[in-house]
C-alpha atoms as a PDB file:
ATOM      1  CA  MET A   1    -175.481  -1.991 -35.966  1.00  0.00           C
ATOM      2  CA  LYS A   2    -171.963  -2.625 -35.578  1.00  0.00           C
ATOM      3  CA  LEU A   3    -169.764  -2.218 -38.574  1.00  0.00           C
ATOM      4  CA  LYS A   4    -165.821  -1.965 -37.491  1.00  0.00           C
ATOM      5  CA  VAL A   5    -162.467  -1.783 -39.638  1.00  0.00           C
ATOM      6  CA  LYS A   6    -159.496  -3.641 -38.678  1.00  0.00           C
ATOM      7  CA  ARG A   7    -155.667  -4.583 -39.965  1.00  0.00           C
ATOM      8  CA  VAL A   8    -155.557  -7.974 -41.701  1.00  0.00           C
ATOM      9  CA  TYR A   9    -152.377  -8.443 -39.897  1.00  0.00           C
ATOM     10  CA  ASP A  10    -154.097  -8.028 -36.123  1.00  0.00           C
ATOM     11  CA  GLU A  11    -155.043 -10.766 -34.131  1.00  0.00           C
ATOM     12  CA  PRO A  12    -158.619 -12.264 -34.811  1.00  0.00           C
ATOM     13  CA  ASP A  13    -160.957 -12.016 -31.818  1.00  0.00           C
ATOM     14  CA  GLU A  14    -164.318 -12.980 -30.441  1.00  0.00           C
ATOM     15  CA  GLN A  15    -166.014  -9.304 -30.940  1.00  0.00           C
ATOM     16  CA  ASP A  16    -164.881  -9.113 -34.773  1.00  0.00           C
ATOM     17  CA  GLY A  17    -168.052 -11.199 -35.361  1.00  0.00           C
ATOM     18  CA  LEU A  18    -168.261 -11.774 -39.501  1.00  0.00           C
ATOM     19  CA  ARG A  19    -164.603 -10.885 -40.656  1.00  0.00           C
ATOM     20  CA  ILE A  20    -164.806  -9.811 -44.290  1.00  0.00           C
ATOM     21  CA  LEU A  21    -161.778  -8.864 -46.536  1.00  0.00           C
ATOM     22  CA  VAL A  22    -162.523  -6.333 -48.233  1.00  0.00           C
ATOM     23  CA  ASP A  23    -159.048  -5.853 -50.113  1.00  0.00           C
ATOM     24  CA  ARG A  24    -158.275  -6.678 -54.341  1.00  0.00           C
ATOM     25  CA  LEU A  25    -155.086  -8.407 -53.394  1.00  0.00           C
ATOM     26  CA  TRP A  26    -154.462 -11.298 -50.864  1.00  0.00           C
ATOM     27  CA  PRO A  27    -152.418  -9.846 -48.132  1.00  0.00           C
ATOM     28  CA  ARG A  28    -148.769 -10.774 -48.200  1.00  0.00           C
ATOM     29  CA  GLY A  29    -147.255 -13.675 -46.103  1.00  0.00           C
ATOM     30  CA  LEU A  30    -150.758 -14.642 -44.406  1.00  0.00           C
ATOM     31  CA  THR A  31    -152.157 -17.985 -44.868  1.00  0.00           C
ATOM     32  CA  LYS A  32    -156.199 -18.238 -45.097  1.00  0.00           C
ATOM     33  CA  GLY A  33    -156.103 -19.149 -41.717  1.00  0.00           C
ATOM     34  CA  GLU A  34    -153.706 -16.483 -40.178  1.00  0.00           C
ATOM     35  CA  VAL A  35    -156.729 -14.174 -42.309  1.00  0.00           C
ATOM     36  CA  ALA A  36    -159.588 -15.909 -40.672  1.00  0.00           C
ATOM     37  CA  ALA A  37    -161.937 -14.289 -42.901  1.00  0.00           C
ATOM     38  CA  ASP A  38    -165.299 -15.588 -43.238  1.00  0.00           C
ATOM     39  CA  LEU A  39    -165.540 -13.964 -46.718  1.00  0.00           C
ATOM     40  CA  TRP A  40    -163.312 -12.269 -49.551  1.00  0.00           C
ATOM     41  CA  LEU A  41    -165.511  -9.321 -51.326  1.00  0.00           C
ATOM     42  CA  ARG A  42    -162.382  -8.535 -53.825  1.00  0.00           C
ATOM     43  CA  GLU A  43    -165.425  -6.687 -55.707  1.00  0.00           C
ATOM     44  CA  LEU A  44    -165.542  -4.028 -53.347  1.00  0.00           C
ATOM     45  CA  ALA A  45    -162.069  -2.997 -53.464  1.00  0.00           C
ATOM     46  CA  PRO A  46    -161.022  -0.173 -55.520  1.00  0.00           C
ATOM     47  CA  SER A  47    -160.596  -0.419 -58.948  1.00  0.00           C
ATOM     48  CA  GLU A  48    -156.471  -0.855 -59.913  1.00  0.00           C
ATOM     49  CA  GLY A  49    -156.809   2.439 -61.499  1.00  0.00           C
ATOM     50  CA  LEU A  50    -157.810   3.625 -58.787  1.00  0.00           C
ATOM     51  CA  ARG A  51    -156.090   2.070 -56.281  1.00  0.00           C
ATOM     52  CA  LYS A  52    -152.785   3.130 -58.121  1.00  0.00           C
ATOM     53  CA  TRP A  53    -154.181   6.664 -58.756  1.00  0.00           C
ATOM     54  CA  PHE A  54    -154.319   7.231 -54.827  1.00  0.00           C
ATOM     55  CA  SER A  55    -151.368   5.287 -53.426  1.00  0.00           C
ATOM     56  CA  HIS A  56    -152.268   5.758 -49.755  1.00  0.00           C
ATOM     57  CA  ASP A  57    -151.270   9.565 -50.210  1.00  0.00           C
ATOM     58  CA  ALA A  58    -153.439  11.275 -47.886  1.00  0.00           C
ATOM     59  CA  ASP A  59    -153.556  14.408 -49.696  1.00  0.00           C
ATOM     60  CA  LYS A  60    -155.767  12.552 -52.110  1.00  0.00           C
ATOM     61  CA  TRP A  61    -158.079  11.194 -49.291  1.00  0.00           C
ATOM     62  CA  GLY A  62    -161.277  13.643 -50.389  1.00  0.00           C
ATOM     63  CA  GLU A  63    -161.023  13.002 -53.667  1.00  0.00           C
ATOM     64  CA  PHE A  64    -160.381   9.523 -53.203  1.00  0.00           C
ATOM     65  CA  MET A  65    -163.590   8.628 -51.196  1.00  0.00           C
ATOM     66  CA  CYS A  66    -165.397  10.753 -53.669  1.00  0.00           C
ATOM     67  CA  ARG A  67    -163.960   8.483 -56.718  1.00  0.00           C
ATOM     68  CA  TYR A  68    -164.636   4.809 -54.502  1.00  0.00           C
ATOM     69  CA  PHE A  69    -168.086   5.795 -53.582  1.00  0.00           C
ATOM     70  CA  GLY A  70    -169.003   6.315 -57.015  1.00  0.00           C
ATOM     71  CA  GLU A  71    -167.781   3.097 -58.040  1.00  0.00           C
ATOM     72  CA  LEU A  72    -169.477   1.513 -54.873  1.00  0.00           C
ATOM     73  CA  ASP A  73    -172.714   2.954 -56.306  1.00  0.00           C
ATOM     74  CA  GLY A  74    -172.678   0.160 -59.021  1.00  0.00           C
ATOM     75  CA  ARG A  75    -172.145  -2.555 -56.061  1.00  0.00           C
ATOM     76  CA  GLN A  76    -175.068  -2.086 -54.080  1.00  0.00           C
ATOM     77  CA  GLU A  77    -175.473  -6.283 -53.794  1.00  0.00           C
ATOM     78  CA  SER A  78    -172.536  -6.736 -51.923  1.00  0.00           C
ATOM     79  CA  VAL A  79    -172.581  -3.711 -50.174  1.00  0.00           C
ATOM     80  CA  ARG A  80    -176.207  -4.379 -49.107  1.00  0.00           C
ATOM     81  CA  LEU A  81    -174.520  -7.845 -47.885  1.00  0.00           C
ATOM     82  CA  ILE A  82    -172.400  -5.947 -45.624  1.00  0.00           C
ATOM     83  CA  LEU A  83    -175.555  -4.072 -44.482  1.00  0.00           C
ATOM     84  CA  THR A  84    -177.731  -6.858 -43.489  1.00  0.00           C
ATOM     85  CA  SER A  85    -174.978  -8.753 -41.532  1.00  0.00           C
ATOM     86  CA  ALA A  86    -174.045  -5.821 -39.639  1.00  0.00           C
ATOM     87  CA  LEU A  87    -177.727  -5.142 -38.463  1.00  0.00           C
ATOM     88  CA  LYS A  88    -177.654  -8.837 -37.358  1.00  0.00           C
ATOM     89  CA  GLY A  89    -174.577  -8.882 -35.477  1.00  0.00           C
ATOM     90  CA  PRO A  90    -170.740  -7.180 -35.603  1.00  0.00           C
ATOM     91  CA  VAL A  91    -168.801  -7.085 -38.991  1.00  0.00           C
ATOM     92  CA  THR A  92    -165.318  -6.111 -39.268  1.00  0.00           C
ATOM     93  CA  LEU A  93    -164.254  -5.190 -42.329  1.00  0.00           C
ATOM     94  CA  LEU A  94    -160.282  -6.413 -43.236  1.00  0.00           C
ATOM     95  CA  TYR A  95    -158.018  -4.430 -44.859  1.00  0.00           C
ATOM     96  CA  GLY A  96    -154.313  -5.068 -45.751  1.00  0.00           C
ATOM     97  CA  SER A  97    -152.761  -0.981 -45.889  1.00  0.00           C
ATOM     98  CA  LYS A  98    -150.543   0.187 -43.114  1.00  0.00           C
ATOM     99  CA  ASP A  99    -152.412   3.353 -43.058  1.00  0.00           C
ATOM    100  CA  ASP A 100    -155.082   3.117 -40.405  1.00  0.00           C
ATOM    101  CA  LEU A 101    -157.423   6.317 -41.297  1.00  0.00           C
ATOM    102  CA  HIS A 102    -156.753   6.524 -45.378  1.00  0.00           C
ATOM    103  CA  ASN A 103    -157.673   3.257 -46.697  1.00  0.00           C
ATOM    104  CA  ASN A 104    -160.508   1.670 -48.790  1.00  0.00           C
ATOM    105  CA  ALA A 105    -161.524  -0.386 -45.325  1.00  0.00           C
ATOM    106  CA  VAL A 106    -162.343   2.585 -43.816  1.00  0.00           C
ATOM    107  CA  ALA A 107    -164.474   4.424 -46.575  1.00  0.00           C
ATOM    108  CA  LEU A 108    -166.690   1.533 -47.287  1.00  0.00           C
ATOM    109  CA  ARG A 109    -167.422   1.860 -43.827  1.00  0.00           C
ATOM    110  CA  GLU A 110    -167.997   5.446 -44.302  1.00  0.00           C
ATOM    111  CA  TYR A 111    -170.165   4.924 -47.392  1.00  0.00           C
ATOM    112  CA  ILE A 112    -172.232   2.151 -45.851  1.00  0.00           C
ATOM    113  CA  LEU A 113    -173.039   4.050 -42.774  1.00  0.00           C
ATOM    114  CA  SER A 114    -173.678   7.269 -44.466  1.00  0.00           C
ATOM    115  CA  ARG A 115    -176.265   5.527 -46.714  1.00  0.00           C
ATOM    116  CA  LYS A 116    -177.749   2.915 -44.329  1.00  0.00           C
ATOM    117  CA  THR A 117    -181.068   4.726 -44.479  1.00  0.00           C
ATOM    118  CA  GLN A 118    -181.133   4.303 -48.213  1.00  0.00           C
ATOM    119  CA  LEU A 119    -179.436   0.706 -48.344  1.00  0.00           C
ATOM    120  CA  LYS A 120    -181.960  -0.534 -46.021  1.00  0.00           C
ATOM    121  CA  LYS A 121    -185.027   0.446 -48.126  1.00  0.00           C
ATOM    122  CA  ALA A 122    -183.679  -0.839 -51.325  1.00  0.00           C
ATOM    123  CA  ALA A 123    -183.092  -4.255 -49.514  1.00  0.00           C
END
């Protein structure tokens, strides 16, 4: 399974496979063609309240992941869509944040990888 994350402002390439935008808001200054997303799963983005609370503060990363994972537990259909796609070929989760280490796409990837066996059984 190949599941990676990439900043939406970086150039798309052939190795990206299925490109899924996982932010709640459309990336500033980019057209649909520039984003080149195959899907936009905004429902997998953190809630507005969680996003504002976190505010990309690295000191809150651990708590953010716990809270976000709780939200993702209630969005299993969309999570399984990513997992089943990644089992068929490469999937790239796209995000807009300037922080490459502390963003929802990184957390979503970690969530999927940590629950891969459970998600497969439920599919």
